Amino acid sequence: MQNLLHRHVQVAESLRLGVESGWYSTKISGTFVTGPHPTEAECLHKIAELNPVVPKRKA
């Protein structure tokens, strides 16, 4: 699974992109995966749901 990033899309950029303003989770390439989320915390929560941290096994 690839790592997702979080970013805020402000009004001016949202008009240019044709999306709502808010927080989005994105791939490294910049492709939107989820959103818009009203807060950064909610966006990070969604990223955590999609990319659960898998504990490393001790050798």
C-alpha atoms as a PDB file:
ATOM      1  CA  MET A   1       0.000   0.000   0.000  1.00  0.00           C
ATOM      2  CA  GLN A   2       1.358   3.418  -0.808  1.00  0.00           C
ATOM      3  CA  ASN A   3       1.680   6.262   1.634  1.00  0.00           C
ATOM      4  CA  LEU A   4      -0.908   9.011   1.416  1.00  0.00           C
ATOM      5  CA  LEU A   5      -0.269  12.677   2.065  1.00  0.00           C
ATOM      6  CA  HIS A   6      -2.633  15.350   3.317  1.00  0.00           C
ATOM      7  CA  ARG A   7      -3.027  18.781   1.787  1.00  0.00           C
ATOM      8  CA  HIS A   8      -5.357  21.735   2.012  1.00  0.00           C
ATOM      9  CA  VAL A   9      -6.972  23.066  -1.154  1.00  0.00           C
ATOM     10  CA  GLN A  10      -7.870  26.735  -0.741  1.00  0.00           C
ATOM     11  CA  VAL A  11     -10.717  28.497  -2.550  1.00  0.00           C
ATOM     12  CA  ALA A  12      -8.673  29.900  -5.454  1.00  0.00           C
ATOM     13  CA  GLU A  13      -7.127  26.501  -6.213  1.00  0.00           C
ATOM     14  CA  SER A  14     -10.453  24.717  -5.737  1.00  0.00           C
ATOM     15  CA  LEU A  15     -12.055  26.922  -8.405  1.00  0.00           C
ATOM     16  CA  ARG A  16      -9.199  26.163 -10.800  1.00  0.00           C
ATOM     17  CA  LEU A  17      -9.396  22.407 -10.139  1.00  0.00           C
ATOM     18  CA  GLY A  18     -13.193  22.204 -10.055  1.00  0.00           C
ATOM     19  CA  VAL A  19     -13.335  20.716  -6.553  1.00  0.00           C
ATOM     20  CA  GLU A  20     -14.547  21.943  -3.171  1.00  0.00           C
ATOM     21  CA  SER A  21     -12.177  23.696  -0.799  1.00  0.00           C
ATOM     22  CA  GLY A  22     -11.016  21.516   2.105  1.00  0.00           C
ATOM     23  CA  TRP A  23      -8.525  18.885   3.202  1.00  0.00           C
ATOM     24  CA  TYR A  24      -7.732  16.004   0.852  1.00  0.00           C
ATOM     25  CA  SER A  25      -5.656  12.869   1.084  1.00  0.00           C
ATOM     26  CA  THR A  26      -3.499  12.476  -1.990  1.00  0.00           C
ATOM     27  CA  LYS A  27      -1.102  10.024  -3.550  1.00  0.00           C
ATOM     28  CA  ILE A  28       2.534  11.106  -3.931  1.00  0.00           C
ATOM     29  CA  SER A  29       1.656  12.010  -7.548  1.00  0.00           C
ATOM     30  CA  GLY A  30      -0.942  14.515  -6.298  1.00  0.00           C
ATOM     31  CA  THR A  31      -3.999  12.469  -7.278  1.00  0.00           C
ATOM     32  CA  PHE A  32      -6.862  12.986  -4.829  1.00  0.00           C
ATOM     33  CA  VAL A  33      -7.885   9.845  -2.940  1.00  0.00           C
ATOM     34  CA  THR A  34     -10.409  11.101  -0.376  1.00  0.00           C
ATOM     35  CA  GLY A  35     -11.971  14.411   0.543  1.00  0.00           C
ATOM     36  CA  PRO A  36     -12.843  17.056   1.015  1.00  0.00           C
ATOM     37  CA  HIS A  37     -12.595  16.774   4.778  1.00  0.00           C
ATOM     38  CA  PRO A  38     -13.576  19.768   6.941  1.00  0.00           C
ATOM     39  CA  THR A  39     -10.471  19.538   9.156  1.00  0.00           C
ATOM     40  CA  GLU A  40      -6.892  18.346   8.912  1.00  0.00           C
ATOM     41  CA  ALA A  41      -7.533  15.959  11.810  1.00  0.00           C
ATOM     42  CA  GLU A  42     -10.390  14.236   9.974  1.00  0.00           C
ATOM     43  CA  CYS A  43      -8.244  13.909   6.871  1.00  0.00           C
ATOM     44  CA  LEU A  44      -5.398  12.359   8.896  1.00  0.00           C
ATOM     45  CA  HIS A  45      -7.888   9.994  10.543  1.00  0.00           C
ATOM     46  CA  LYS A  46      -9.075   8.797   7.128  1.00  0.00           C
ATOM     47  CA  ILE A  47      -5.473   8.300   5.983  1.00  0.00           C
ATOM     48  CA  ALA A  48      -4.844   6.203   9.109  1.00  0.00           C
ATOM     49  CA  GLU A  49      -7.889   4.058   8.264  1.00  0.00           C
ATOM     50  CA  LEU A  50      -6.655   3.475   4.722  1.00  0.00           C
ATOM     51  CA  ASN A  51      -2.986   2.942   5.680  1.00  0.00           C
ATOM     52  CA  PRO A  52      -2.913   1.108   8.990  1.00  0.00           C
ATOM     53  CA  VAL A  53       0.500   0.931  10.638  1.00  0.00           C
ATOM     54  CA  VAL A  54       1.698  -2.655  10.628  1.00  0.00           C
ATOM     55  CA  PRO A  55       4.008  -3.421  13.550  1.00  0.00           C
ATOM     56  CA  LYS A  56       7.432  -4.683  12.514  1.00  0.00           C
ATOM     57  CA  ARG A  57       8.312  -8.184  13.642  1.00  0.00           C
ATOM     58  CA  LYS A  58      11.460  -8.722  15.634  1.00  0.00           C
ATOM     59  CA  ALA A  59      13.946 -11.024  13.976  1.00  0.00           C
END
